[in-house]
């Protein structure tokens, strides 16, 4: 389904007047013909009625249908009633759809069919296409665009009109897309909107059960580039698609947001609402790697429910996740990365009171941060199902780990804090020294503050025994030395290439 979704998104954006896929020229027919050629080249079967009157080409009863690669008797597509291409006196071409029009999305598998009916509304502004046949620019701006669910039909299912609702709206949207043709189609797009809102819901017609999800984001911005091969592989071979030059790099951000979720299932219920101070989402992909980078800041959550004894109010200064995965099968080392950040996570005093009613512990927000980079080898084609099966069965090794750098380690809670960095190389020819793991060599530098004070307080609270604390302190004494500050321990852990392990210069293995 991933190939269809990627292709459908570009088609749907055009059909909802945020065009990307067409080629503008002085002739309206050439604009439509090239767009149609692009869509058929990506696997769609395109049908429509064409009518030329003066300088305007009207394309009506448009339907696009695509068989899903690797899925027998599975198809998906979309349709809309009309698009107009008008030649302007300044050499540009306008692409216009009605201020309100239906958009139908269909999917089928054997005798099972699903139809989603949508209503698209906007202020009627056309897309303006300028440039020449090799470098085209699409400009579009609208004060408001709304997509509303107008009905859902499924084989064997009676879905009442009011059982499901869905609306997504954009305000003050502006887009600019530049398309270049030079053996491949290259796109460079910027997109802004002052606000986005959404309201989704389901109501069980036979009971009081329901689910709803709504929210909004402010000051949205996006920039993306992509490259699409002229002749796409229609078989669903994603590896071949990447090898032919497919790639994308997109970044999206917003300055603030709110969301709310609620559901009821019999006697069970849950409500959740949140606010945030903005965030960003980035994704990049080409034949060599896949990268995700997500960050959200200044979050606050409120949760109530039938199984929650009291309302919860939580907050966090930052939550982030990033990963870079090498994709290309190669004997050469490739870069990878992994990062998780949960900074200043705070829970309400009511919750602290259940664990620490006397307030013996510091109730400061907690943080967990880990940032890793490294190098490794990918020894199989990650998009080859047969190769993946061999990896899962243990017949072939998926790859090699060659190096890891700990860019940042931070764990802090209840007055104690652990920080660290490190750098290690791995010998894949030595799988015996460390019980089947490639033998590491390198060092890590760690610092721990507040641990002894925390253990003393846990003993006073009855949450830790003296024997447990003694064992922990003996271990810290073996691996660490006193630091400069009060209740501070430092540790330098070294692993030599011949398998020796040293803590602060003292050999422990």
Foldseek 3Di string as FASTA:
>chain_A
DVLCVVLVVQVVCVVLQNHDQFFWWLALVNRVVRSVLQSVLSAWDWDWDWDDDDQKIKTAFIKIKGADFPAPQKIKIKTWGIWMWGRDPVTKIWIWDDQKTKMKIKIDHDPKIKIWIKIKGFPGGTWIWDDHRFKIKTKDWTQKIKIWTQDMDIPPDDDDRPFKTKMKMFGGKIKMWMWGDDQKIKIKMKIWTQKMKMKIKGADPVDRKMKIKIKMFGTKIKIKMWIFGSRADSNPQVLVRLVSPTKMKMKMKTQKMKMKIWTDDPPKIKIKIKIFRMWMWIWIDGNFKTKIKTKTAWMWMWMDIPPDPDIWIKTFGMWIWMWMDTQHADPDKDKIKTKTKTHFIATDVVVVCVVCVPPLFDRTGKIWIWIKMAIWHAHDHPSDPVRVVCCVVVNDPRIGGFKMWTPWTWTDDRQKIKIKIWIKGFAPVDLDLVPGGGAIWTKMKMKMAPPVVVVVSCVVSVNDPPVRVVVVVVVLVQQWDDDDDPRMTIWMWGAHPVGWIDIPNHTPD
